[in-house]
mmCIF file of all heavy atoms, coordinates in Angstrom:
data_MODEL
# 
_entry.id   MODEL 
# 
loop_
_atom_site.group_PDB 
_atom_site.id 
_atom_site.type_symbol 
_atom_site.label_atom_id 
_atom_site.label_alt_id 
_atom_site.label_comp_id 
_atom_site.label_asym_id 
_atom_site.label_entity_id 
_atom_site.label_seq_id 
_atom_site.pdbx_PDB_ins_code 
_atom_site.Cartn_x 
_atom_site.Cartn_y 
_atom_site.Cartn_z 
_atom_site.occupancy 
_atom_site.B_iso_or_equiv 
_atom_site.pdbx_formal_charge 
_atom_site.auth_seq_id 
_atom_site.auth_comp_id 
_atom_site.auth_asym_id 
_atom_site.auth_atom_id 
_atom_site.pdbx_PDB_model_num 
ATOM 1   N N   . GLU A 1 1  ? 3.616   -15.818 -9.604  1.00 0.00 ? 1  GLU A N   1 
ATOM 2   C CA  . GLU A 1 1  ? 3.677   -14.407 -9.993  1.00 0.00 ? 1  GLU A CA  1 
ATOM 3   C C   . GLU A 1 1  ? 2.903   -13.537 -9.013  1.00 0.00 ? 1  GLU A C   1 
ATOM 4   O O   . GLU A 1 1  ? 3.304   -12.421 -8.709  1.00 0.00 ? 1  GLU A O   1 
ATOM 5   C CB  . GLU A 1 1  ? 3.147   -14.212 -11.418 1.00 0.00 ? 1  GLU A CB  1 
ATOM 6   C CG  . GLU A 1 1  ? 3.970   -14.895 -12.484 1.00 0.00 ? 1  GLU A CG  1 
ATOM 7   C CD  . GLU A 1 1  ? 5.391   -14.365 -12.576 1.00 0.00 ? 1  GLU A CD  1 
ATOM 8   O OE1 . GLU A 1 1  ? 5.623   -13.179 -12.283 1.00 0.00 ? 1  GLU A OE1 1 
ATOM 9   O OE2 . GLU A 1 1  ? 6.276   -15.136 -12.957 1.00 0.00 ? 1  GLU A OE2 1 
ATOM 10  N N   . ARG A 1 2  ? 1.807   -14.038 -8.512  1.00 0.00 ? 2  ARG A N   1 
ATOM 11  C CA  . ARG A 1 2  ? 1.012   -13.283 -7.540  1.00 0.00 ? 2  ARG A CA  1 
ATOM 12  C C   . ARG A 1 2  ? 1.778   -13.106 -6.230  1.00 0.00 ? 2  ARG A C   1 
ATOM 13  O O   . ARG A 1 2  ? 1.790   -12.027 -5.656  1.00 0.00 ? 2  ARG A O   1 
ATOM 14  C CB  . ARG A 1 2  ? -0.306  -13.991 -7.296  1.00 0.00 ? 2  ARG A CB  1 
ATOM 15  C CG  . ARG A 1 2  ? -1.207  -13.250 -6.355  1.00 0.00 ? 2  ARG A CG  1 
ATOM 16  C CD  . ARG A 1 2  ? -2.593  -13.857 -6.343  1.00 0.00 ? 2  ARG A CD  1 
ATOM 17  N NE  . ARG A 1 2  ? -3.452  -13.043 -5.525  1.00 0.00 ? 2  ARG A NE  1 
ATOM 18  C CZ  . ARG A 1 2  ? -4.080  -13.491 -4.461  1.00 0.00 ? 2  ARG A CZ  1 
ATOM 19  N NH1 . ARG A 1 2  ? -3.977  -14.741 -4.100  1.00 0.00 ? 2  ARG A NH1 1 
ATOM 20  N NH2 . ARG A 1 2  ? -4.842  -12.680 -3.761  1.00 0.00 ? 2  ARG A NH2 1 
ATOM 21  N N   . VAL A 1 3  ? 2.428   -14.164 -5.784  1.00 0.00 ? 3  VAL A N   1 
ATOM 22  C CA  . VAL A 1 3  ? 3.239   -14.081 -4.571  1.00 0.00 ? 3  VAL A CA  1 
ATOM 23  C C   . VAL A 1 3  ? 4.366   -13.061 -4.761  1.00 0.00 ? 3  VAL A C   1 
ATOM 24  O O   . VAL A 1 3  ? 4.617   -12.218 -3.897  1.00 0.00 ? 3  VAL A O   1 
ATOM 25  C CB  . VAL A 1 3  ? 3.807   -15.468 -4.188  1.00 0.00 ? 3  VAL A CB  1 
ATOM 26  C CG1 . VAL A 1 3  ? 4.861   -15.349 -3.100  1.00 0.00 ? 3  VAL A CG1 1 
ATOM 27  C CG2 . VAL A 1 3  ? 2.680   -16.384 -3.751  1.00 0.00 ? 3  VAL A CG2 1 
ATOM 28  N N   . PHE A 1 4  ? 5.051   -13.121 -5.896  1.00 0.00 ? 4  PHE A N   1 
ATOM 29  C CA  . PHE A 1 4  ? 6.128   -12.186 -6.177  1.00 0.00 ? 4  PHE A CA  1 
ATOM 30  C C   . PHE A 1 4  ? 5.616   -10.745 -6.193  1.00 0.00 ? 4  PHE A C   1 
ATOM 31  O O   . PHE A 1 4  ? 6.218   -9.843  -5.607  1.00 0.00 ? 4  PHE A O   1 
ATOM 32  C CB  . PHE A 1 4  ? 6.789   -12.524 -7.517  1.00 0.00 ? 4  PHE A CB  1 
ATOM 33  C CG  . PHE A 1 4  ? 7.820   -11.520 -7.935  1.00 0.00 ? 4  PHE A CG  1 
ATOM 34  C CD1 . PHE A 1 4  ? 9.037   -11.442 -7.268  1.00 0.00 ? 4  PHE A CD1 1 
ATOM 35  C CD2 . PHE A 1 4  ? 7.571   -10.654 -8.976  1.00 0.00 ? 4  PHE A CD2 1 
ATOM 36  C CE1 . PHE A 1 4  ? 9.984   -10.507 -7.637  1.00 0.00 ? 4  PHE A CE1 1 
ATOM 37  C CE2 . PHE A 1 4  ? 8.506   -9.713  -9.357  1.00 0.00 ? 4  PHE A CE2 1 
ATOM 38  C CZ  . PHE A 1 4  ? 9.725   -9.639  -8.688  1.00 0.00 ? 4  PHE A CZ  1 
ATOM 39  N N   . ALA A 1 5  ? 4.503   -10.509 -6.834  1.00 0.00 ? 5  ALA A N   1 
ATOM 40  C CA  . ALA A 1 5  ? 3.942   -9.162  -6.924  1.00 0.00 ? 5  ALA A CA  1 
ATOM 41  C C   . ALA A 1 5  ? 3.556   -8.636  -5.550  1.00 0.00 ? 5  ALA A C   1 
ATOM 42  O O   . ALA A 1 5  ? 3.767   -7.458  -5.248  1.00 0.00 ? 5  ALA A O   1 
ATOM 43  C CB  . ALA A 1 5  ? 2.729   -9.154  -7.855  1.00 0.00 ? 5  ALA A CB  1 
ATOM 44  N N   . ARG A 1 6  ? 3.016   -9.483  -4.699  1.00 0.00 ? 6  ARG A N   1 
ATOM 45  C CA  . ARG A 1 6  ? 2.628   -9.053  -3.357  1.00 0.00 ? 6  ARG A CA  1 
ATOM 46  C C   . ARG A 1 6  ? 3.844   -8.707  -2.508  1.00 0.00 ? 6  ARG A C   1 
ATOM 47  O O   . ARG A 1 6  ? 3.783   -7.831  -1.660  1.00 0.00 ? 6  ARG A O   1 
ATOM 48  C CB  . ARG A 1 6  ? 1.794   -10.134 -2.680  1.00 0.00 ? 6  ARG A CB  1 
ATOM 49  C CG  . ARG A 1 6  ? 0.423   -10.293 -3.329  1.00 0.00 ? 6  ARG A CG  1 
ATOM 50  C CD  . ARG A 1 6  ? -0.364  -11.344 -2.675  1.00 0.00 ? 6  ARG A CD  1 
ATOM 51  N NE  . ARG A 1 6  ? -0.890  -10.814 -1.423  1.00 0.00 ? 6  ARG A NE  1 
ATOM 52  C CZ  . ARG A 1 6  ? -1.539  -11.538 -0.547  1.00 0.00 ? 6  ARG A CZ  1 
ATOM 53  N NH1 . ARG A 1 6  ? -1.723  -12.811 -0.747  1.00 0.00 ? 6  ARG A NH1 1 
ATOM 54  N NH2 . ARG A 1 6  ? -2.000  -10.990 0.546   1.00 0.00 ? 6  ARG A NH2 1 
ATOM 55  N N   . GLN A 1 7  ? 4.963   -9.387  -2.732  1.00 0.00 ? 7  GLN A N   1 
ATOM 56  C CA  . GLN A 1 7  ? 6.172   -9.125  -1.956  1.00 0.00 ? 7  GLN A CA  1 
ATOM 57  C C   . GLN A 1 7  ? 6.927   -7.904  -2.455  1.00 0.00 ? 7  GLN A C   1 
ATOM 58  O O   . GLN A 1 7  ? 7.616   -7.245  -1.687  1.00 0.00 ? 7  GLN A O   1 
ATOM 59  C CB  . GLN A 1 7  ? 7.091   -10.342 -1.991  1.00 0.00 ? 7  GLN A CB  1 
ATOM 60  C CG  . GLN A 1 7  ? 6.543   -11.519 -1.231  1.00 0.00 ? 7  GLN A CG  1 
ATOM 61  C CD  . GLN A 1 7  ? 7.370   -12.769 -1.427  1.00 0.00 ? 7  GLN A CD  1 
ATOM 62  O OE1 . GLN A 1 7  ? 8.229   -12.832 -2.293  1.00 0.00 ? 7  GLN A OE1 1 
ATOM 63  N NE2 . GLN A 1 7  ? 7.101   -13.778 -0.616  1.00 0.00 ? 7  GLN A NE2 1 
ATOM 64  N N   . LEU A 1 8  ? 6.803   -7.597  -3.723  1.00 0.00 ? 8  LEU A N   1 
ATOM 65  C CA  . LEU A 1 8  ? 7.561   -6.509  -4.331  1.00 0.00 ? 8  LEU A CA  1 
ATOM 66  C C   . LEU A 1 8  ? 7.323   -5.180  -3.621  1.00 0.00 ? 8  LEU A C   1 
ATOM 67  O O   . LEU A 1 8  ? 8.248   -4.428  -3.375  1.00 0.00 ? 8  LEU A O   1 
ATOM 68  C CB  . LEU A 1 8  ? 7.195   -6.393  -5.815  1.00 0.00 ? 8  LEU A CB  1 
ATOM 69  C CG  . LEU A 1 8  ? 7.971   -5.388  -6.637  1.00 0.00 ? 8  LEU A CG  1 
ATOM 70  C CD1 . LEU A 1 8  ? 9.458   -5.735  -6.628  1.00 0.00 ? 8  LEU A CD1 1 
ATOM 71  C CD2 . LEU A 1 8  ? 7.459   -5.373  -8.057  1.00 0.00 ? 8  LEU A CD2 1 
ATOM 72  N N   . PHE A 1 9  ? 6.101   -4.866  -3.287  1.00 0.00 ? 9  PHE A N   1 
ATOM 73  C CA  . PHE A 1 9  ? 5.777   -3.612  -2.620  1.00 0.00 ? 9  PHE A CA  1 
ATOM 74  C C   . PHE A 1 9  ? 5.212   -3.868  -1.214  1.00 0.00 ? 9  PHE A C   1 
ATOM 75  O O   . PHE A 1 9  ? 4.331   -3.159  -0.762  1.00 0.00 ? 9  PHE A O   1 
ATOM 76  C CB  . PHE A 1 9  ? 4.800   -2.804  -3.464  1.00 0.00 ? 9  PHE A CB  1 
ATOM 77  C CG  . PHE A 1 9  ? 5.452   -2.197  -4.663  1.00 0.00 ? 9  PHE A CG  1 
ATOM 78  C CD1 . PHE A 1 9  ? 5.463   -2.864  -5.872  1.00 0.00 ? 9  PHE A CD1 1 
ATOM 79  C CD2 . PHE A 1 9  ? 6.100   -0.989  -4.574  1.00 0.00 ? 9  PHE A CD2 1 
ATOM 80  C CE1 . PHE A 1 9  ? 6.086   -2.320  -6.971  1.00 0.00 ? 9  PHE A CE1 1 
ATOM 81  C CE2 . PHE A 1 9  ? 6.731   -0.435  -5.662  1.00 0.00 ? 9  PHE A CE2 1 
ATOM 82  C CZ  . PHE A 1 9  ? 6.730   -1.103  -6.866  1.00 0.00 ? 9  PHE A CZ  1 
ATOM 83  N N   . ALA A 1 10 ? 5.762   -4.849  -0.530  1.00 0.00 ? 10 ALA A N   1 
ATOM 84  C CA  . ALA A 1 10 ? 5.248   -5.212  0.787   1.00 0.00 ? 10 ALA A CA  1 
ATOM 85  C C   . ALA A 1 10 ? 6.174   -4.794  1.919   1.00 0.00 ? 10 ALA A C   1 
ATOM 86  O O   . ALA A 1 10 ? 6.092   -5.330  3.005   1.00 0.00 ? 10 ALA A O   1 
ATOM 87  C CB  . ALA A 1 10 ? 4.987   -6.717  0.847   1.00 0.00 ? 10 ALA A CB  1 
ATOM 88  N N   . THR A 1 11 ? 7.046   -3.824  1.681   1.00 0.00 ? 11 THR A N   1 
ATOM 89  C CA  . THR A 1 11 ? 7.896   -3.370  2.765   1.00 0.00 ? 11 THR A CA  1 
ATOM 90  C C   . THR A 1 11 ? 7.045   -2.653  3.803   1.00 0.00 ? 11 THR A C   1 
ATOM 91  O O   . THR A 1 11 ? 5.945   -2.164  3.505   1.00 0.00 ? 11 THR A O   1 
ATOM 92  C CB  . THR A 1 11 ? 8.997   -2.422  2.253   1.00 0.00 ? 11 THR A CB  1 
ATOM 93  O OG1 . THR A 1 11 ? 8.383   -1.270  1.697   1.00 0.00 ? 11 THR A OG1 1 
ATOM 94  C CG2 . THR A 1 11 ? 9.882   -3.103  1.221   1.00 0.00 ? 11 THR A CG2 1 
ATOM 95  N N   . CYS A 1 12 ? 7.553   -2.581  4.996   1.00 0.00 ? 12 CYS A N   1 
ATOM 96  C CA  . CYS A 1 12 ? 6.804   -1.974  6.098   1.00 0.00 ? 12 CYS A CA  1 
ATOM 97  C C   . CYS A 1 12 ? 6.393   -0.541  5.784   1.00 0.00 ? 12 CYS A C   1 
ATOM 98  O O   . CYS A 1 12 ? 5.249   -0.150  6.011   1.00 0.00 ? 12 CYS A O   1 
ATOM 99  C CB  . CYS A 1 12 ? 7.644   -2.036  7.368   1.00 0.00 ? 12 CYS A CB  1 
ATOM 100 S SG  . CYS A 1 12 ? 6.781   -1.434  8.819   1.00 0.00 ? 12 CYS A SG  1 
ATOM 101 N N   . ASP A 1 13 ? 7.326   0.254   5.231   1.00 0.00 ? 13 ASP A N   1 
ATOM 102 C CA  . ASP A 1 13 ? 6.991   1.650   4.950   1.00 0.00 ? 13 ASP A CA  1 
ATOM 103 C C   . ASP A 1 13 ? 5.923   1.780   3.864   1.00 0.00 ? 13 ASP A C   1 
ATOM 104 O O   . ASP A 1 13 ? 5.056   2.651   3.943   1.00 0.00 ? 13 ASP A O   1 
ATOM 105 C CB  . ASP A 1 13 ? 8.231   2.473   4.601   1.00 0.00 ? 13 ASP A CB  1 
ATOM 106 C CG  . ASP A 1 13 ? 9.124   1.826   3.560   1.00 0.00 ? 13 ASP A CG  1 
ATOM 107 O OD1 . ASP A 1 13 ? 9.054   0.607   3.391   1.00 0.00 ? 13 ASP A OD1 1 
ATOM 108 O OD2 . ASP A 1 13 ? 9.902   2.552   2.926   1.00 0.00 ? 13 ASP A OD2 1 
ATOM 109 N N   . LEU A 1 14 ? 5.927   0.903   2.878   1.00 0.00 ? 14 LEU A N   1 
ATOM 110 C CA  . LEU A 1 14 ? 4.893   0.972   1.835   1.00 0.00 ? 14 LEU A CA  1 
ATOM 111 C C   . LEU A 1 14 ? 3.546   0.476   2.345   1.00 0.00 ? 14 LEU A C   1 
ATOM 112 O O   . LEU A 1 14 ? 2.499   0.990   1.944   1.00 0.00 ? 14 LEU A O   1 
ATOM 113 C CB  . LEU A 1 14 ? 5.332   0.215   0.588   1.00 0.00 ? 14 LEU A CB  1 
ATOM 114 C CG  . LEU A 1 14 ? 6.496   0.872   -0.170  1.00 0.00 ? 14 LEU A CG  1 
ATOM 115 C CD1 . LEU A 1 14 ? 6.887   0.014   -1.362  1.00 0.00 ? 14 LEU A CD1 1 
ATOM 116 C CD2 . LEU A 1 14 ? 6.164   2.283   -0.598  1.00 0.00 ? 14 LEU A CD2 1 
ATOM 117 N N   . ARG A 1 15 ? 3.554   -0.490  3.251   1.00 0.00 ? 15 ARG A N   1 
ATOM 118 C CA  . ARG A 1 15 ? 2.290   -0.910  3.876   1.00 0.00 ? 15 ARG A CA  1 
ATOM 119 C C   . ARG A 1 15 ? 1.722   0.227   4.717   1.00 0.00 ? 15 ARG A C   1 
ATOM 120 O O   . ARG A 1 15 ? 0.517   0.470   4.725   1.00 0.00 ? 15 ARG A O   1 
ATOM 121 C CB  . ARG A 1 15 ? 2.490   -2.167  4.716   1.00 0.00 ? 15 ARG A CB  1 
ATOM 122 C CG  . ARG A 1 15 ? 2.645   -3.425  3.887   1.00 0.00 ? 15 ARG A CG  1 
ATOM 123 C CD  . ARG A 1 15 ? 2.520   -4.690  4.722   1.00 0.00 ? 15 ARG A CD  1 
ATOM 124 N NE  . ARG A 1 15 ? 3.361   -4.715  5.907   1.00 0.00 ? 15 ARG A NE  1 
ATOM 125 C CZ  . ARG A 1 15 ? 4.595   -5.224  5.958   1.00 0.00 ? 15 ARG A CZ  1 
ATOM 126 N NH1 . ARG A 1 15 ? 5.120   -5.772  4.882   1.00 0.00 ? 15 ARG A NH1 1 
ATOM 127 N NH2 . ARG A 1 15 ? 5.282   -5.219  7.076   1.00 0.00 ? 15 ARG A NH2 1 
ATOM 128 N N   . GLU A 1 16 ? 2.605   0.936   5.425   1.00 0.00 ? 16 GLU A N   1 
ATOM 129 C CA  . GLU A 1 16 ? 2.157   2.089   6.210   1.00 0.00 ? 16 GLU A CA  1 
ATOM 130 C C   . GLU A 1 16 ? 1.619   3.185   5.300   1.00 0.00 ? 16 GLU A C   1 
ATOM 131 O O   . GLU A 1 16 ? 0.620   3.835   5.616   1.00 0.00 ? 16 GLU A O   1 
ATOM 132 C CB  . GLU A 1 16 ? 3.304   2.631   7.061   1.00 0.00 ? 16 GLU A CB  1 
ATOM 133 C CG  . GLU A 1 16 ? 3.692   1.730   8.200   1.00 0.00 ? 16 GLU A CG  1 
ATOM 134 C CD  . GLU A 1 16 ? 4.922   2.243   8.942   1.00 0.00 ? 16 GLU A CD  1 
ATOM 135 O OE1 . GLU A 1 16 ? 5.244   3.446   8.829   1.00 0.00 ? 16 GLU A OE1 1 
ATOM 136 O OE2 . GLU A 1 16 ? 5.557   1.441   9.633   1.00 0.00 ? 16 GLU A OE2 1 
ATOM 137 N N   . MET A 1 17 ? 2.292   3.408   4.165   1.00 0.00 ? 17 MET A N   1 
ATOM 138 C CA  . MET A 1 17 ? 1.824   4.410   3.211   1.00 0.00 ? 17 MET A CA  1 
ATOM 139 C C   . MET A 1 17 ? 0.427   4.046   2.705   1.00 0.00 ? 17 MET A C   1 
ATOM 140 O O   . MET A 1 17 ? -0.468  4.890   2.659   1.00 0.00 ? 17 MET A O   1 
ATOM 141 C CB  . MET A 1 17 ? 2.779   4.527   2.018   1.00 0.00 ? 17 MET A CB  1 
ATOM 142 C CG  . MET A 1 17 ? 2.334   5.557   0.992   1.00 0.00 ? 17 MET A CG  1 
ATOM 143 S SD  . MET A 1 17 ? 3.249   5.528   -0.568  1.00 0.00 ? 17 MET A SD  1 
ATOM 144 C CE  . MET A 1 17 ? 4.884   5.967   -0.039  1.00 0.00 ? 17 MET A CE  1 
ATOM 145 N N   . PHE A 1 18 ? 0.236   2.796   2.332   1.00 0.00 ? 18 PHE A N   1 
ATOM 146 C CA  . PHE A 1 18 ? -1.058  2.316   1.856   1.00 0.00 ? 18 PHE A CA  1 
ATOM 147 C C   . PHE A 1 18 ? -2.140  2.592   2.899   1.00 0.00 ? 18 PHE A C   1 
ATOM 148 O O   . PHE A 1 18 ? -3.202  3.133   2.576   1.00 0.00 ? 18 PHE A O   1 
ATOM 149 C CB  . PHE A 1 18 ? -0.954  0.817   1.556   1.00 0.00 ? 18 PHE A CB  1 
ATOM 150 C CG  . PHE A 1 18 ? -2.244  0.184   1.134   1.00 0.00 ? 18 PHE A CG  1 
ATOM 151 C CD1 . PHE A 1 18 ? -2.621  0.167   -0.201  1.00 0.00 ? 18 PHE A CD1 1 
ATOM 152 C CD2 . PHE A 1 18 ? -3.075  -0.417  2.063   1.00 0.00 ? 18 PHE A CD2 1 
ATOM 153 C CE1 . PHE A 1 18 ? -3.811  -0.438  -0.591  1.00 0.00 ? 18 PHE A CE1 1 
ATOM 154 C CE2 . PHE A 1 18 ? -4.264  -1.015  1.681   1.00 0.00 ? 18 PHE A CE2 1 
ATOM 155 C CZ  . PHE A 1 18 ? -4.632  -1.022  0.351   1.00 0.00 ? 18 PHE A CZ  1 
ATOM 156 N N   . ALA A 1 19 ? -1.856  2.242   4.152   1.00 0.00 ? 19 ALA A N   1 
ATOM 157 C CA  . ALA A 1 19 ? -2.834  2.443   5.229   1.00 0.00 ? 19 ALA A CA  1 
ATOM 158 C C   . ALA A 1 19 ? -3.123  3.931   5.438   1.00 0.00 ? 19 ALA A C   1 
ATOM 159 O O   . ALA A 1 19 ? -4.283  4.325   5.623   1.00 0.00 ? 19 ALA A O   1 
ATOM 160 C CB  . ALA A 1 19 ? -2.324  1.809   6.524   1.00 0.00 ? 19 ALA A CB  1 
ATOM 161 N N   . TRP A 1 20 ? -2.076  4.760   5.403   1.00 0.00 ? 20 TRP A N   1 
ATOM 162 C CA  . TRP A 1 20 ? -2.277  6.199   5.586   1.00 0.00 ? 20 TRP A CA  1 
ATOM 163 C C   . TRP A 1 20 ? -3.127  6.769   4.452   1.00 0.00 ? 20 TRP A C   1 
ATOM 164 O O   . TRP A 1 20 ? -4.033  7.564   4.693   1.00 0.00 ? 20 TRP A O   1 
ATOM 165 C CB  . TRP A 1 20 ? -0.934  6.937   5.660   1.00 0.00 ? 20 TRP A CB  1 
ATOM 166 C CG  . TRP A 1 20 ? -1.133  8.395   5.931   1.00 0.00 ? 20 TRP A CG  1 
ATOM 167 C CD1 . TRP A 1 20 ? -1.247  8.997   7.141   1.00 0.00 ? 20 TRP A CD1 1 
ATOM 168 C CD2 . TRP A 1 20 ? -1.294  9.434   4.956   1.00 0.00 ? 20 TRP A CD2 1 
ATOM 169 N NE1 . TRP A 1 20 ? -1.464  10.351  6.978   1.00 0.00 ? 20 TRP A NE1 1 
ATOM 170 C CE2 . TRP A 1 20 ? -1.501  10.642  5.647   1.00 0.00 ? 20 TRP A CE2 1 
ATOM 171 C CE3 . TRP A 1 20 ? -1.283  9.457   3.560   1.00 0.00 ? 20 TRP A CE3 1 
ATOM 172 C CZ2 . TRP A 1 20 ? -1.687  11.862  4.998   1.00 0.00 ? 20 TRP A CZ2 1 
ATOM 173 C CZ3 . TRP A 1 20 ? -1.472  10.667  2.899   1.00 0.00 ? 20 TRP A CZ3 1 
ATOM 174 C CH2 . TRP A 1 20 ? -1.673  11.854  3.623   1.00 0.00 ? 20 TRP A CH2 1 
ATOM 175 N N   . ILE A 1 21 ? -2.826  6.377   3.231   1.00 0.00 ? 21 ILE A N   1 
ATOM 176 C CA  . ILE A 1 21 ? -3.580  6.881   2.081   1.00 0.00 ? 21 ILE A CA  1 
ATOM 177 C C   . ILE A 1 21 ? -5.057  6.539   2.229   1.00 0.00 ? 21 ILE A C   1 
ATOM 178 O O   . ILE A 1 21 ? -5.922  7.388   2.023   1.00 0.00 ? 21 ILE A O   1 
ATOM 179 C CB  . ILE A 1 21 ? -3.002  6.327   0.759   1.00 0.00 ? 21 ILE A CB  1 
ATOM 180 C CG1 . ILE A 1 21 ? -1.649  6.988   0.466   1.00 0.00 ? 21 ILE A CG1 1 
ATOM 181 C CG2 . ILE A 1 21 ? -3.972  6.535   -0.400  1.00 0.00 ? 21 ILE A CG2 1 
ATOM 182 C CD1 . ILE A 1 21 ? -0.889  6.350   -0.682  1.00 0.00 ? 21 ILE A CD1 1 
ATOM 183 N N   . GLN A 1 22 ? -5.352  5.316   2.620   1.00 0.00 ? 22 GLN A N   1 
ATOM 184 C CA  . GLN A 1 22 ? -6.753  4.932   2.769   1.00 0.00 ? 22 GLN A CA  1 
ATOM 185 C C   . GLN A 1 22 ? -7.431  5.662   3.924   1.00 0.00 ? 22 GLN A C   1 
ATOM 186 O O   . GLN A 1 22 ? -8.601  6.024   3.828   1.00 0.00 ? 22 GLN A O   1 
ATOM 187 C CB  . GLN A 1 22 ? -6.871  3.426   2.970   1.00 0.00 ? 22 GLN A CB  1 
ATOM 188 C CG  . GLN A 1 22 ? -6.675  2.656   1.689   1.00 0.00 ? 22 GLN A CG  1 
ATOM 189 C CD  . GLN A 1 22 ? -7.189  1.246   1.809   1.00 0.00 ? 22 GLN A CD  1 
ATOM 190 O OE1 . GLN A 1 22 ? -6.907  0.550   2.783   1.00 0.00 ? 22 GLN A OE1 1 
ATOM 191 N NE2 . GLN A 1 22 ? -7.938  0.825   0.812   1.00 0.00 ? 22 GLN A NE2 1 
ATOM 192 N N   . ALA A 1 23 ? -6.700  5.889   5.007   1.00 0.00 ? 23 ALA A N   1 
ATOM 193 C CA  . ALA A 1 23 ? -7.297  6.512   6.192   1.00 0.00 ? 23 ALA A CA  1 
ATOM 194 C C   . ALA A 1 23 ? -7.400  8.036   6.087   1.00 0.00 ? 23 ALA A C   1 
ATOM 195 O O   . ALA A 1 23 ? -8.342  8.627   6.611   1.00 0.00 ? 23 ALA A O   1 
ATOM 196 C CB  . ALA A 1 23 ? -6.481  6.149   7.432   1.00 0.00 ? 23 ALA A CB  1 
ATOM 197 N N   . ALA A 1 24 ? -6.451  8.682   5.414   1.00 0.00 ? 24 ALA A N   1 
ATOM 198 C CA  . ALA A 1 24 ? -6.353  10.142  5.483   1.00 0.00 ? 24 ALA A CA  1 
ATOM 199 C C   . ALA A 1 24 ? -6.723  10.873  4.197   1.00 0.00 ? 24 ALA A C   1 
ATOM 200 O O   . ALA A 1 24 ? -6.739  12.100  4.189   1.00 0.00 ? 24 ALA A O   1 
ATOM 201 C CB  . ALA A 1 24 ? -4.939  10.534  5.906   1.00 0.00 ? 24 ALA A CB  1 
ATOM 202 N N   . THR A 1 25 ? -6.996  10.138  3.140   1.00 0.00 ? 25 THR A N   1 
ATOM 203 C CA  . THR A 1 25 ? -7.307  10.808  1.875   1.00 0.00 ? 25 THR A CA  1 
ATOM 204 C C   . THR A 1 25 ? -8.646  10.324  1.334   1.00 0.00 ? 25 THR A C   1 
ATOM 205 O O   . THR A 1 25 ? -9.189  9.324   1.784   1.00 0.00 ? 25 THR A O   1 
ATOM 206 C CB  . THR A 1 25 ? -6.202  10.560  0.824   1.00 0.00 ? 25 THR A CB  1 
ATOM 207 O OG1 . THR A 1 25 ? -6.200  9.185   0.444   1.00 0.00 ? 25 THR A OG1 1 
ATOM 208 C CG2 . THR A 1 25 ? -4.830  10.967  1.356   1.00 0.00 ? 25 THR A CG2 1 
ATOM 209 N N   . SER A 1 26 ? -9.131  11.037  0.355   1.00 0.00 ? 26 SER A N   1 
ATOM 210 C CA  . SER A 1 26 ? -10.428 10.732  -0.241  1.00 0.00 ? 26 SER A CA  1 
ATOM 211 C C   . SER A 1 26 ? -10.242 9.991   -1.572  1.00 0.00 ? 26 SER A C   1 
ATOM 212 O O   . SER A 1 26 ? -9.263  10.234  -2.281  1.00 0.00 ? 26 SER A O   1 
ATOM 213 C CB  . SER A 1 26 ? -11.161 12.047  -0.489  1.00 0.00 ? 26 SER A CB  1 
ATOM 214 O OG  . SER A 1 26 ? -12.245 11.864  -1.349  1.00 0.00 ? 26 SER A OG  1 
ATOM 215 N N   . PRO A 1 27 ? -11.175 9.118   -1.942  1.00 0.00 ? 27 PRO A N   1 
ATOM 216 C CA  . PRO A 1 27 ? -11.078 8.439   -3.239  1.00 0.00 ? 27 PRO A CA  1 
ATOM 217 C C   . PRO A 1 27 ? -11.027 9.395   -4.432  1.00 0.00 ? 27 PRO A C   1 
ATOM 218 O O   . PRO A 1 27 ? -10.551 9.023   -5.498  1.00 0.00 ? 27 PRO A O   1 
ATOM 219 C CB  . PRO A 1 27 ? -12.340 7.580   -3.291  1.00 0.00 ? 27 PRO A CB  1 
ATOM 220 C CG  . PRO A 1 27 ? -12.675 7.325   -1.862  1.00 0.00 ? 27 PRO A CG  1 
ATOM 221 C CD  . PRO A 1 27 ? -12.291 8.598   -1.139  1.00 0.00 ? 27 PRO A CD  1 
ATOM 222 N N   . SER A 1 28 ? -11.455 10.617  -4.262  1.00 0.00 ? 28 SER A N   1 
ATOM 223 C CA  . SER A 1 28 ? -11.403 11.573  -5.363  1.00 0.00 ? 28 SER A CA  1 
ATOM 224 C C   . SER A 1 28 ? -10.054 12.301  -5.458  1.00 0.00 ? 28 SER A C   1 
ATOM 225 O O   . SER A 1 28 ? -9.809  13.011  -6.431  1.00 0.00 ? 28 SER A O   1 
ATOM 226 C CB  . SER A 1 28 ? -12.521 12.603  -5.229  1.00 0.00 ? 28 SER A CB  1 
ATOM 227 O OG  . SER A 1 28 ? -12.355 13.345  -4.037  1.00 0.00 ? 28 SER A OG  1 
ATOM 228 N N   . ASP A 1 29 ? -9.178  12.122  -4.473  1.00 0.00 ? 29 ASP A N   1 
ATOM 229 C CA  . ASP A 1 29 ? -7.872  12.784  -4.489  1.00 0.00 ? 29 ASP A CA  1 
ATOM 230 C C   . ASP A 1 29 ? -6.980  12.200  -5.578  1.00 0.00 ? 29 ASP A C   1 
ATOM 231 O O   . ASP A 1 29 ? -6.977  10.994  -5.815  1.00 0.00 ? 29 ASP A O   1 
ATOM 232 C CB  . ASP A 1 29 ? -7.170  12.640  -3.137  1.00 0.00 ? 29 ASP A CB  1 
ATOM 233 C CG  . ASP A 1 29 ? -7.811  13.488  -2.051  1.00 0.00 ? 29 ASP A CG  1 
ATOM 234 O OD1 . ASP A 1 29 ? -8.425  14.516  -2.399  1.00 0.00 ? 29 ASP A OD1 1 
ATOM 235 O OD2 . ASP A 1 29 ? -7.703  13.121  -0.874  1.00 0.00 ? 29 ASP A OD2 1 
# 
């Protein structure tokens, strides 16, 4: 189940989104 969950949202664009959110936004946003 963990492997499946990690693959579900592991597309390149969603990984890029994750990285952008962490780099460009604040935890309070």
